[in-house]
Amino acid sequence: MLETNPPKGLRDFFPRDLLLRDRVFSAWRSAAELHGFLRYEAPVVESYELLARKAGEEITDQIYVFQDKSGRKLALRPEVTPSLVRMLSAGAGQHLFPAKWWTIAQCFRYEKMGKGRRREHYQWNLDIVGAASILAEAWILHAAVTALGRLGLGSDDIHVHVNHRQLLAQALHELGVPEDGHPAIFLILDKKDKIPEPALVEMLLGAGMAAPLCRRLLEMMRIGSLDELQASPLGQSAPAGQLYQLFAMAKSLEFDKFLSFDFGIVRGLAYYTGVIFEAYDVPRKFRAVFGGGRYDTLFQRLAGTDRPAVGLGFGDVVIGEILASRAGFTVPALAVDVCVGSFDESLTVDAFRVASQLQQRGIKVDLAVAVDKPRKFFAYASKRGAALAVFVGPDEIQRQSVMLRNMQSREQREVAIAELGANVLQELKGRGEG
C-alpha cells in the first residue's frame, strides 16, 4: 500500500496550506524590498565541509549528510548563512559592500520534533555584510518589525528580546571562567528555557563551574531591563554602550515598543560576536519567532576575509502557528474570479476560447475540463469559490453569446461574447466595492 504521509518531520503543502505560507512569504518579501535588500538564492545542497566547519556545535549532529555518485560528501543545509559567506566571497570585487541581501531558504535539521519545530522549514534570512555600525542591527530589526506589521502583529503580540554576546562573555570572565570554556557554557545557558533550573545547574557543574559561581551567573542572567543593566557592574561596559545606542535608535525609528533587554538571551550558535536577539509571542506559548545577531568573525574563519556582519533568521513554522491561533483567523478561500463550462463536447473549443479571452483581461479563470450538465457545473463553480460562472450552451453559442451567472445572488443573464469581458470586470468591481 502507498504510504500517504511524508517522511517524518517533513511537510506536505496542500493548496490551502500554501495560502497561509504565501501570506507569510509576501510579508517577508515586501519588508525586505522596502528596506533595500537584494534577493539571492543558494542551492539547498552544500558541501558538508562548509556546513560542518562553520557549525562546530550541536547543529553539526543535526545535518542530513550523504555522498553523491562521485563520492563527494554533501549535505542538506541546516541554515543558509554559510552559503551567503561562500557567495559573497566568490568574486567579492563584483559585489557592493555593505551588502544587504535576503532570501527565503528551505532548511533541514534532523532534530527532535515538537511544537513549532519540524525537520524542515522555510526561513527568511536578512543579512548586512560589511558594516560595523549598530545601525545595521537597527535596520534589520526594523525590517523584521515591518514584516510583523504586514502580518497584522504588533508589539502587544510579539516582543524582541535583546542581549549582547560580549556582555555574557564579560560576565563569565568576571566569574573566572576561561575564554576557551565560554562556548560550552553558552550552549548550556541556551537551554535555560527548555529545562528546569536544577538540571541546568547540573550541566554547568559538569562543565567545570563551581556551585557558588553557577548561582551568581543565573542571578546575573535575571537582569531584565536596561535600567537594571545600567545599575549593575556591567552597566558601563562597551557592550552595554552598544545596547543603549541600539535602543536609542529604535526609539528614533519608533519601534522601541517591540524591544526589551533580556540578559537571558544567549543564542546557541558559536559564531555570534555582538548584539543578539530572539523574538517571542508575548504570552510565550510558542518557540522563538525569529532570532539573529552580529557575527563579525565568520567571514574570517571561513573565507579568510575580515567582514563584519549581522543577520536574522525568521522561520515559517512558528509564525504560521501564531497566526492560526489568533481569534477570528481564517484562511482565504481557494477562489477564482470566473468558472467557464460547456454543455457538451462539441462546445469545448468555444468554452476554451471564452476562457482565454477573459484571461487576456487579467481575470482569473478556471475552465471546467469535465463536460457536465449545468447543475453539476454550477455546483463545481460554487465549490471553487468563483464569483461568476459562464456557461456555454448550444442555443446561446448560435447567437454568439453565453450565460453569465452571479454565484452569490444566483441571478443570470445572456451576454454577448463580444461584451463578456467588460460585463465580467464590471461585476467583479461591484463585488469588490460591496
Foldseek 3Di string as FASTA:
>chain_A
DDDPDDPFQDDDQDPLNVLLVVLLVVLLVVLLVVLPAAEDDDDQKDQLCLQCLQFVDPQNVFWAWDADPVRGIMTGAQDCVSVVLVVCLVPVVVDDPQHWYKYWDKHATNDDDDALGGRIFIKIKIKGKFDPALVRVLSQVVSVQSSCVSLVDALLWKAKEKDWQVLLVVLVVVLVNDPVLVLQLLQLLQCPVPDDPVVSLVSVVVSPRDNVSSVVSVVVQAPKALVSLCVDPNNPPPLNVSVVVSLVVCVVVVRNSRYGYGSSHRDNGPQAHTMKMWMATPVRPHDTQKIWHKRQCSSCSNPVDGMTMTMMIGIDRGVSVSQVPDPPRDRDALAFAEEEAEQDPVCLVVSVVLQVVLVVVVGGYDYDPDHDHPVVSLVVNVNRVHQKYWYHYDVLVVVQWIWIAGNVVRDIDIDHSVCVNVVSVVSVVVVVVD
